[in-house]
């Protein structure tokens, strides 16, 4: 039994039953489906065209995070580039100058720089900034490797220099507290005993007998013996072609073969050998040639103290041996 439907009839002013036949039903159904489908399709096209999908939204969020990360990385690359450039400048213009070493040539620092061939540039053609940063990082990596090797080399040079500087005669062998007179008689002078003109290849430090005598640089006791001319004398071999001699001592405080440090007690002022008064005769040799010791202990004094010592020594040119 078909369901009854009612429709208002304005002529009779009554609701009267009416019945829908099959043709009209299907016609209404297809019209409804057509408009529903059209509306749904329109909504879909509009949403696809003007709204992102969830996957696209997720990709955009990830892309923004990657851009932020790349921006931070790019800034860090620039900082490292500046820091490395500063280190290279200090290496070439400061450290190597101080250590008397030649700066590394540009051919060494720039050799092998590249690395773009290791990267598929075609795949990153749309992102030139990535390619540029990749090349910069490869360049920094190479320069860093060169700089690490350079600093290792400088470390070895510094160790050698420190040993050489410690061995180099650099202080007075007699303290100013015990020093009475410094006789600047280096060179030809009238010998006080033989009364003839002879070379005097050292400086005479007049001081009370028994005053301590110190090594002027790191070294090894090569000889410690009694000489008819030098009296009790010590020869220190400092290496690096330097040698010092300490003559007319009253006693030794070291023995042959012993290693000594700068400032270490090695003997005592005396009046042995060809000497007319208690003093220390001090010599400096480089490559077997005598050098005026006055040029070596200036660093142990201030400029004023050094000048006073020179002035006082110049007042008395009489040799004591």
Protein backbone atom coordinates (compact mmCIF):
# COMPACT_ATOMS: atom_id res chain seq x y z
CA UNK A 1 0.00 0.00 0.00
CA UNK A 2 1.43 3.32 -1.06
CA UNK A 3 1.84 6.01 1.53
CA UNK A 4 -0.57 8.91 1.22
CA UNK A 5 0.68 12.48 0.99
CA UNK A 6 -1.40 15.57 1.33
CA UNK A 7 -1.26 18.88 -0.48
CA UNK A 8 -3.32 22.01 0.20
CA UNK A 9 -5.92 22.82 -2.46
CA UNK A 10 -6.71 26.57 -2.49
CA UNK A 11 -9.91 25.99 -4.50
CA UNK A 12 -11.47 23.74 -1.89
CA UNK A 13 -9.52 25.14 1.03
CA UNK A 14 -8.72 21.59 2.05
CA UNK A 15 -5.69 19.28 2.27
CA UNK A 16 -6.31 16.58 -0.27
CA UNK A 17 -4.32 13.38 -0.74
CA UNK A 18 -2.10 12.99 -3.78
CA UNK A 19 0.05 10.16 -5.04
CA UNK A 20 3.54 10.33 -6.72
CA UNK A 21 3.98 8.04 -9.66
CA UNK A 22 7.33 6.28 -10.44
CA UNK A 23 8.42 8.57 -13.27
CA UNK A 24 8.08 11.70 -11.23
CA UNK A 25 9.87 10.09 -8.27
CA UNK A 26 12.94 9.15 -10.30
CA UNK A 27 12.94 12.52 -11.96
CA UNK A 28 13.07 14.23 -8.61
CA UNK A 29 15.75 11.80 -7.41
CA UNK A 30 18.07 12.42 -10.37
CA UNK A 31 17.60 16.18 -10.10
CA UNK A 32 18.48 16.00 -6.43
CA UNK A 33 21.54 13.83 -7.08
CA UNK A 34 22.71 16.08 -9.92
CA UNK A 35 22.60 19.22 -7.84
CA UNK A 36 24.12 17.44 -4.81
CA UNK A 37 26.96 16.08 -6.92
CA UNK A 38 27.54 19.46 -8.58
CA UNK A 39 27.57 21.20 -5.22
CA UNK A 40 29.98 18.63 -3.76
CA UNK A 41 32.28 18.82 -6.80
CA UNK A 42 32.30 22.61 -6.67
CA UNK A 43 33.15 22.54 -2.99
CA UNK A 44 35.93 20.04 -3.60
CA UNK A 45 37.50 22.07 -6.41
CA UNK A 46 37.27 25.24 -4.34
CA UNK A 47 38.86 23.60 -1.30
CA UNK A 48 41.67 22.07 -3.38
CA UNK A 49 42.39 25.37 -5.10
CA UNK A 50 42.26 27.67 -2.09
CA UNK A 51 42.99 25.44 0.90
CA UNK A 52 46.04 23.21 1.67
CA UNK A 53 45.75 19.57 2.51
CA UNK A 54 46.97 18.25 5.85
CA UNK A 55 50.04 16.77 4.16
CA UNK A 56 50.81 20.10 2.51
CA UNK A 57 50.34 21.95 5.80
CA UNK A 58 52.74 19.50 7.47
CA UNK A 59 55.30 19.93 4.68
CA UNK A 60 55.10 23.72 4.95
CA UNK A 61 55.67 23.58 8.70
CA UNK A 62 58.66 21.30 8.21
CA UNK A 63 59.97 23.55 5.43
CA UNK A 64 59.78 26.62 7.67
CA UNK A 65 61.67 24.77 10.39
CA UNK A 66 64.35 23.78 7.88
CA UNK A 67 64.65 27.38 6.70
CA UNK A 68 65.14 28.55 10.27
CA UNK A 69 67.73 25.83 10.86
CA UNK A 70 69.55 26.73 7.66
CA UNK A 71 69.51 30.44 8.59
CA UNK A 72 71.09 29.62 11.97
CA UNK A 73 73.64 27.35 10.28
CA UNK A 74 74.46 30.01 7.69
CA UNK A 75 75.03 32.56 10.45
CA UNK A 76 77.25 30.10 12.30
CA UNK A 77 79.26 29.43 9.13
CA UNK A 78 79.89 33.17 8.78
CA UNK A 79 81.02 33.37 12.43
CA UNK A 80 83.41 30.43 12.01
CA UNK A 81 84.72 31.99 8.80
CA UNK A 82 85.53 35.24 10.63
CA UNK A 83 87.10 33.44 13.58
CA UNK A 84 89.28 31.30 11.32
CA UNK A 85 90.35 34.34 9.30
CA UNK A 86 91.35 36.08 12.54
CA UNK A 87 93.30 33.00 13.68
CA UNK A 88 95.10 32.77 10.32
CA UNK A 89 96.02 36.46 10.53
CA UNK A 90 97.42 35.99 14.05
CA UNK A 91 99.29 32.90 12.87
CA UNK A 92 100.97 34.65 9.94
CA UNK A 93 101.42 38.16 11.35
CA UNK A 94 101.92 37.54 15.07
CA UNK A 95 102.91 34.03 16.08
CA UNK A 96 105.27 33.38 13.19
CA UNK A 97 106.81 36.84 13.44
CA UNK A 98 107.48 36.34 17.16
CA UNK A 99 108.94 32.89 16.52
CA UNK A 100 110.97 34.15 13.55
CA UNK A 101 109.21 31.78 11.15
CA UNK A 102 107.99 32.55 7.63
CA UNK A 103 104.18 32.80 7.12
CA UNK A 104 102.55 29.94 5.24
CA UNK A 105 102.27 30.79 1.52
CA UNK A 106 98.80 31.22 0.02
CA UNK A 107 99.46 28.25 -2.27
CA UNK A 108 99.42 25.97 0.78
CA UNK A 109 96.41 27.56 2.45
CA UNK A 110 94.34 27.54 -0.77
CA UNK A 111 95.54 24.23 -2.23
CA UNK A 112 92.86 21.61 -2.60
CA UNK A 113 89.99 23.98 -1.85
CA UNK A 114 86.84 22.92 -3.67
CA UNK A 115 84.55 20.04 -2.90
CA UNK A 116 81.67 21.02 -5.18
CA UNK A 117 82.46 18.01 -7.33
CA UNK A 118 81.47 15.82 -4.37
CA UNK A 119 77.99 17.32 -4.45
CA UNK A 120 75.32 16.79 -7.13
CA UNK A 121 74.89 20.41 -8.18
CA UNK A 122 72.08 19.54 -10.59
CA UNK A 123 69.90 18.38 -7.72
CA UNK A 124 70.40 21.71 -5.96
CA UNK A 125 70.18 23.99 -8.99
CA UNK A 126 67.12 25.68 -7.53
CA UNK A 127 68.92 26.33 -4.25
CA UNK A 128 72.15 28.20 -5.09
CA UNK A 129 72.56 29.35 -1.49
CA UNK A 130 72.87 25.70 -0.39
CA UNK A 131 75.58 25.11 -3.00
CA UNK A 132 77.39 28.28 -1.89
CA UNK A 133 77.30 27.22 1.77
CA UNK A 134 78.47 23.73 0.87
CA UNK A 135 81.50 25.14 -0.96
CA UNK A 136 82.20 27.53 1.93
CA UNK A 137 82.10 24.68 4.44
CA UNK A 138 84.48 22.61 2.29
CA UNK A 139 86.85 25.58 2.12
CA UNK A 140 86.66 26.09 5.88
CA UNK A 141 87.33 22.40 6.45
CA UNK A 142 90.48 22.53 4.33
CA UNK A 143 91.71 25.78 5.90
CA UNK A 144 91.06 24.37 9.36
CA UNK A 145 93.13 21.26 8.59
CA UNK A 146 95.98 23.46 7.32
CA UNK A 147 95.73 25.72 10.39
CA UNK A 148 95.78 22.76 12.78
CA UNK A 149 98.97 21.53 11.11
CA UNK A 150 100.39 25.06 11.24
CA UNK A 151 99.67 25.39 14.98
CA UNK A 152 101.25 21.98 15.61
CA UNK A 153 104.33 23.17 13.75
CA UNK A 154 104.35 26.42 15.75
CA UNK A 155 104.09 24.41 18.96
CA UNK A 156 107.23 22.47 18.04
CA UNK A 157 109.02 25.68 17.04
CA UNK A 158 107.98 27.29 20.34
CA UNK A 159 109.32 24.34 22.33
CA UNK A 160 112.64 24.65 20.52
CA UNK A 161 112.68 28.43 21.02
CA UNK A 162 111.89 28.09 24.73
CA UNK A 163 114.79 25.69 25.14
CA UNK A 164 117.05 28.05 23.19
CA UNK A 165 115.87 31.11 25.12
CA UNK A 166 116.38 29.33 28.44
CA UNK A 167 119.89 28.30 27.36
CA UNK A 168 120.87 31.75 26.08
CA UNK A 169 122.98 33.74 28.60
CA UNK A 170 120.60 36.40 29.84
CA UNK A 171 121.37 37.50 33.41
CA UNK A 172 124.28 38.77 35.46
CA UNK A 173 126.44 36.03 36.99
CA UNK A 174 126.83 38.09 40.18
CA UNK A 175 123.94 39.76 41.98
CA UNK A 176 123.97 43.53 42.30
CA UNK A 177 123.72 43.06 46.07
CA UNK A 178 127.26 41.63 46.15
CA UNK A 179 128.60 43.55 43.14
CA UNK A 180 131.14 46.25 44.11
CA UNK A 181 132.46 47.17 40.68
CA UNK A 182 131.89 46.15 37.09
CA UNK A 183 135.11 46.62 35.13
CA UNK A 184 134.26 47.28 31.48
CA UNK A 185 137.61 46.13 30.17
CA UNK A 186 136.45 43.93 27.29
CA UNK A 187 139.06 44.14 24.53
CA UNK A 188 142.72 45.10 24.60
CA UNK A 189 144.01 46.29 27.99
CA UNK A 190 147.21 46.48 30.04
CA UNK A 191 147.57 43.27 32.02
CA UNK A 192 147.82 44.17 35.76
CA UNK A 193 150.39 41.46 36.48
CA UNK A 194 152.46 41.06 33.31
CA UNK A 195 152.30 44.77 32.41
CA UNK A 196 151.81 44.05 28.71
CA UNK A 197 148.91 44.75 26.38
CA UNK A 198 146.74 41.68 25.96
CA UNK A 199 143.19 40.88 24.85
CA UNK A 200 140.69 40.74 27.70
CA UNK A 201 137.76 38.71 26.40
CA UNK A 202 135.38 39.07 29.33
CA UNK A 203 134.03 41.34 32.05
CA UNK A 204 135.32 41.54 35.63
CA UNK A 205 132.71 41.57 38.41
CA UNK A 206 134.40 42.74 41.61
CA UNK A 207 132.68 41.28 44.68
CA UNK A 208 133.65 40.01 48.15
CA UNK A 209 135.32 36.62 48.16
CA UNK A 210 132.75 33.85 48.60
CA UNK A 211 129.94 35.78 46.86
CA UNK A 212 127.67 33.40 44.95
CA UNK A 213 128.09 33.00 41.18
CA UNK A 214 125.06 32.01 39.13
CA UNK A 215 124.63 30.28 35.77
CA UNK A 216 123.41 32.83 33.25
CA UNK A 217 121.48 30.26 31.21
CA UNK A 218 120.45 26.60 31.15
CA UNK A 219 123.33 24.33 30.24
CA UNK A 220 125.70 21.53 31.13
CA UNK A 221 128.98 21.76 33.01
CA UNK A 222 131.58 20.96 30.37
CA UNK A 223 134.64 21.58 32.53
CA UNK A 224 135.35 22.56 36.13
CA UNK A 225 139.07 22.55 36.93
CA UNK A 226 142.03 24.65 38.09
CA UNK A 227 143.93 26.65 35.47
CA UNK A 228 147.20 28.51 36.07
CA UNK A 229 145.70 31.59 34.39
CA UNK A 230 141.95 31.29 35.08
CA UNK A 231 142.37 29.71 38.52
CA UNK A 232 139.31 27.68 39.37
CA UNK A 233 137.14 27.97 36.25
CA UNK A 234 133.82 26.55 35.05
CA UNK A 235 132.86 26.11 31.41
CA UNK A 236 129.12 25.86 30.73
CA UNK A 237 127.92 24.46 27.42
CA UNK A 238 124.46 25.97 26.77
CA UNK A 239 123.91 24.33 23.40
CA UNK A 240 122.69 26.36 20.45
CA UNK A 241 126.34 27.37 19.92
CA UNK A 242 126.57 29.29 23.23
CA UNK A 243 129.22 28.83 25.92
CA UNK A 244 130.02 30.79 29.10
CA UNK A 245 133.10 30.75 31.33
CA UNK A 246 133.42 31.71 35.01
CA UNK A 247 137.02 32.19 36.21
CA UNK A 248 139.01 32.95 39.39
CA UNK A 249 136.50 31.14 41.60
CA UNK A 250 137.24 30.23 45.19
CA UNK A 251 135.17 27.03 45.06
CA UNK A 252 132.83 25.00 42.84
CA UNK A 253 129.17 24.29 43.60
CA UNK A 254 128.69 21.96 40.60
CA UNK A 255 130.56 19.08 39.02
CA UNK A 256 131.46 18.14 35.44
CA UNK A 257 128.52 16.71 33.47
CA UNK A 258 125.90 18.26 35.73
CA UNK A 259 122.93 20.02 34.12
CA UNK A 260 122.19 23.47 35.50
CA UNK A 261 119.39 26.01 35.18
CA UNK A 262 119.57 29.75 34.69
CA UNK A 263 120.06 31.40 38.10
CA UNK A 264 121.44 28.23 39.73
CA UNK A 265 124.41 28.57 42.07
CA UNK A 266 127.52 27.13 40.38
CA UNK A 267 130.43 28.58 42.39
CA UNK A 268 131.81 31.37 44.52
CA UNK A 269 133.82 34.50 43.76
CA UNK A 270 137.54 34.08 44.48
CA UNK A 271 141.03 35.35 43.71
CA UNK A 272 142.65 32.27 42.17
CA UNK A 273 144.94 32.15 39.14
CA UNK A 274 146.29 35.35 37.57
CA UNK A 275 144.18 37.76 39.64
CA UNK A 276 144.97 40.82 41.72
CA UNK A 277 141.71 41.03 43.71
CA UNK A 278 138.57 38.96 44.43
CA UNK A 279 136.35 39.05 41.35
CA UNK A 280 134.62 36.94 38.74
CA UNK A 281 135.96 36.94 35.21
CA UNK A 282 132.99 36.18 32.93
CA UNK A 283 133.08 35.30 29.22
CA UNK A 284 130.42 34.59 26.58
CA UNK A 285 131.18 32.70 23.35
CA UNK A 286 128.97 32.12 20.32
CA UNK A 287 130.12 29.72 17.62
CA UNK A 288 133.47 29.65 19.37
CA UNK A 289 133.92 33.44 19.12
CA UNK A 290 133.99 35.74 22.13
CA UNK A 291 131.21 38.31 22.45
CA UNK A 292 130.99 41.20 24.91
CA UNK A 293 128.89 39.81 27.81
CA UNK A 294 127.50 43.29 28.37
CA UNK A 295 125.11 42.65 25.48
CA UNK A 296 123.48 39.72 27.27
CA UNK A 297 122.48 40.74 30.78
CA UNK A 298 120.65 43.94 29.89
CA UNK A 299 117.35 42.00 29.99
CA UNK A 300 118.05 41.27 33.66
CA UNK A 301 117.90 44.99 34.46
CA UNK A 302 115.62 47.92 33.84
CA UNK A 303 116.83 50.59 31.43
CA UNK A 304 117.80 52.89 34.29
CA UNK A 305 119.63 50.12 36.18
CA UNK A 306 121.46 49.13 33.03
CA UNK A 307 122.58 52.69 32.35
CA UNK A 308 123.77 53.16 35.95
CA UNK A 309 125.75 49.94 35.67
CA UNK A 310 127.39 51.14 32.46
CA UNK A 311 128.19 54.54 33.98
CA UNK A 312 129.68 53.00 37.13
CA UNK A 313 131.69 50.48 35.15
CA UNK A 314 133.04 53.17 32.85
CA UNK A 315 134.54 55.02 35.81
CA UNK A 316 137.03 52.21 36.42
CA UNK A 317 138.71 50.58 33.43
CA UNK A 318 141.43 48.80 35.38
CA UNK A 319 141.53 45.07 34.69
CA UNK A 320 141.71 42.67 37.63
CA UNK A 321 143.24 39.76 35.68
